[in-house]
Structure formats: C-alpha cells, structure tokens
C-alpha cells in the first residue's frame, strides 16, 4: 500500500505542476485573440489569421490537458 500511495503522490505532483497551467493560460489567450480578431473585420486576411490562431490555441490547450491527464 505504501508504494501505491507514493506513486499516486508523484502523479498528483506532476499533474499540479504550474507549467501545465501556464501553458493552458497561454493557449486560452491565443484562442481568445483569435476569436476577437474574427470580429475585427470582414477582410479575408482577418478570417484566415483568426482561424489559424484559434486552431493553434486549441492544439496547445489539448496538449496541456492530455499532459495533465497522463
């Protein structure tokens, strides 16, 4: 039972690592910038850039979430 508690404690420490949450915060900021840029204008360039920013934010957020779950 002692080994199991040690493993659980180690995985909890890894999941609570601040770098994961900093990465999530950065991903959310990038995603929000993409959403705001979408409403900035109707130019095709704004649409392309906003979609790219949104996808980058989603990919980074999913990477952070799956790293926390691992």
C-alpha atoms as a PDB file:
ATOM      1  CA  UNK A   1       0.000   0.000   0.000  1.00  0.00           C
ATOM      2  CA  UNK A   2       2.932   2.317   0.667  1.00  0.00           C
ATOM      3  CA  UNK A   3       4.208   2.027  -2.907  1.00  0.00           C
ATOM      4  CA  UNK A   4       0.774   2.797  -4.326  1.00  0.00           C
ATOM      5  CA  UNK A   5       0.482   5.957  -2.193  1.00  0.00           C
ATOM      6  CA  UNK A   6       3.955   7.025  -3.310  1.00  0.00           C
ATOM      7  CA  UNK A   7       3.029   6.576  -6.976  1.00  0.00           C
ATOM      8  CA  UNK A   8      -0.257   8.449  -6.513  1.00  0.00           C
ATOM      9  CA  UNK A   9       1.559  11.281  -4.727  1.00  0.00           C
ATOM     10  CA  UNK A  10       4.119  11.521  -7.543  1.00  0.00           C
ATOM     11  CA  UNK A  11       1.475  11.626 -10.294  1.00  0.00           C
ATOM     12  CA  UNK A  12      -0.511  14.237  -8.348  1.00  0.00           C
ATOM     13  CA  UNK A  13       2.616  16.376  -8.059  1.00  0.00           C
ATOM     14  CA  UNK A  14       3.206  16.071 -11.787  1.00  0.00           C
ATOM     15  CA  UNK A  15      -0.404  16.972 -12.571  1.00  0.00           C
ATOM     16  CA  UNK A  16      -0.241  20.026 -10.303  1.00  0.00           C
ATOM     17  CA  UNK A  17       2.937  21.308 -11.951  1.00  0.00           C
ATOM     18  CA  UNK A  18       2.499  25.059 -12.596  1.00  0.00           C
ATOM     19  CA  UNK A  19       3.990  24.777 -16.093  1.00  0.00           C
ATOM     20  CA  UNK A  20       0.892  22.890 -17.254  1.00  0.00           C
ATOM     21  CA  UNK A  21      -1.391  25.658 -16.111  1.00  0.00           C
ATOM     22  CA  UNK A  22       0.825  28.373 -17.574  1.00  0.00           C
ATOM     23  CA  UNK A  23       0.624  26.534 -20.902  1.00  0.00           C
ATOM     24  CA  UNK A  24      -3.169  26.366 -20.585  1.00  0.00           C
ATOM     25  CA  UNK A  25      -3.311  30.096 -19.856  1.00  0.00           C
ATOM     26  CA  UNK A  26      -1.198  30.872 -22.927  1.00  0.00           C
ATOM     27  CA  UNK A  27      -3.421  28.634 -25.067  1.00  0.00           C
ATOM     28  CA  UNK A  28      -6.555  30.366 -23.816  1.00  0.00           C
ATOM     29  CA  UNK A  29      -5.080  33.809 -24.509  1.00  0.00           C
ATOM     30  CA  UNK A  30      -4.117  32.763 -28.058  1.00  0.00           C
ATOM     31  CA  UNK A  31      -7.605  31.334 -28.630  1.00  0.00           C
ATOM     32  CA  UNK A  32      -9.304  34.472 -27.319  1.00  0.00           C
ATOM     33  CA  UNK A  33      -7.123  36.626 -29.582  1.00  0.00           C
ATOM     34  CA  UNK A  34      -8.304  34.501 -32.497  1.00  0.00           C
ATOM     35  CA  UNK A  35     -11.931  34.970 -31.529  1.00  0.00           C
ATOM     36  CA  UNK A  36     -11.581  38.745 -31.094  1.00  0.00           C
ATOM     37  CA  UNK A  37      -9.721  39.038 -34.391  1.00  0.00           C
ATOM     38  CA  UNK A  38     -12.623  37.284 -36.107  1.00  0.00           C
ATOM     39  CA  UNK A  39     -14.935  40.155 -35.135  1.00  0.00           C
ATOM     40  CA  UNK A  40     -12.434  42.852 -36.132  1.00  0.00           C
ATOM     41  CA  UNK A  41     -13.438  42.988 -39.760  1.00  0.00           C
ATOM     42  CA  UNK A  42     -14.661  41.159 -42.800  1.00  0.00           C
ATOM     43  CA  UNK A  43     -11.349  41.035 -44.651  1.00  0.00           C
ATOM     44  CA  UNK A  44     -10.307  37.514 -45.713  1.00  0.00           C
ATOM     45  CA  UNK A  45      -6.925  38.043 -44.072  1.00  0.00           C
ATOM     46  CA  UNK A  46      -8.577  38.585 -40.687  1.00  0.00           C
ATOM     47  CA  UNK A  47     -10.585  35.390 -41.115  1.00  0.00           C
ATOM     48  CA  UNK A  48      -7.512  33.331 -42.034  1.00  0.00           C
ATOM     49  CA  UNK A  49      -5.401  34.705 -39.199  1.00  0.00           C
ATOM     50  CA  UNK A  50      -8.201  34.312 -36.655  1.00  0.00           C
ATOM     51  CA  UNK A  51      -8.826  30.713 -37.691  1.00  0.00           C
ATOM     52  CA  UNK A  52      -5.119  29.898 -37.503  1.00  0.00           C
ATOM     53  CA  UNK A  53      -4.815  31.483 -34.052  1.00  0.00           C
ATOM     54  CA  UNK A  54      -7.873  29.612 -32.837  1.00  0.00           C
ATOM     55  CA  UNK A  55      -6.546  26.275 -34.083  1.00  0.00           C
ATOM     56  CA  UNK A  56      -3.123  26.927 -32.522  1.00  0.00           C
ATOM     57  CA  UNK A  57      -4.793  27.758 -29.214  1.00  0.00           C
ATOM     58  CA  UNK A  58      -6.899  24.587 -29.315  1.00  0.00           C
ATOM     59  CA  UNK A  59      -3.909  22.386 -30.140  1.00  0.00           C
ATOM     60  CA  UNK A  60      -1.828  23.859 -27.318  1.00  0.00           C
ATOM     61  CA  UNK A  61      -4.723  23.518 -24.862  1.00  0.00           C
ATOM     62  CA  UNK A  62      -5.329  19.879 -25.810  1.00  0.00           C
ATOM     63  CA  UNK A  63      -1.615  19.141 -25.431  1.00  0.00           C
ATOM     64  CA  UNK A  64      -1.653  20.650 -21.936  1.00  0.00           C
ATOM     65  CA  UNK A  65      -4.812  18.815 -20.898  1.00  0.00           C
ATOM     66  CA  UNK A  66      -3.565  15.436 -22.125  1.00  0.00           C
ATOM     67  CA  UNK A  67      -0.237  16.022 -20.383  1.00  0.00           C
ATOM     68  CA  UNK A  68      -2.077  16.712 -17.120  1.00  0.00           C
ATOM     69  CA  UNK A  69      -4.218  13.592 -17.562  1.00  0.00           C
ATOM     70  CA  UNK A  70      -1.180  11.428 -18.278  1.00  0.00           C
END
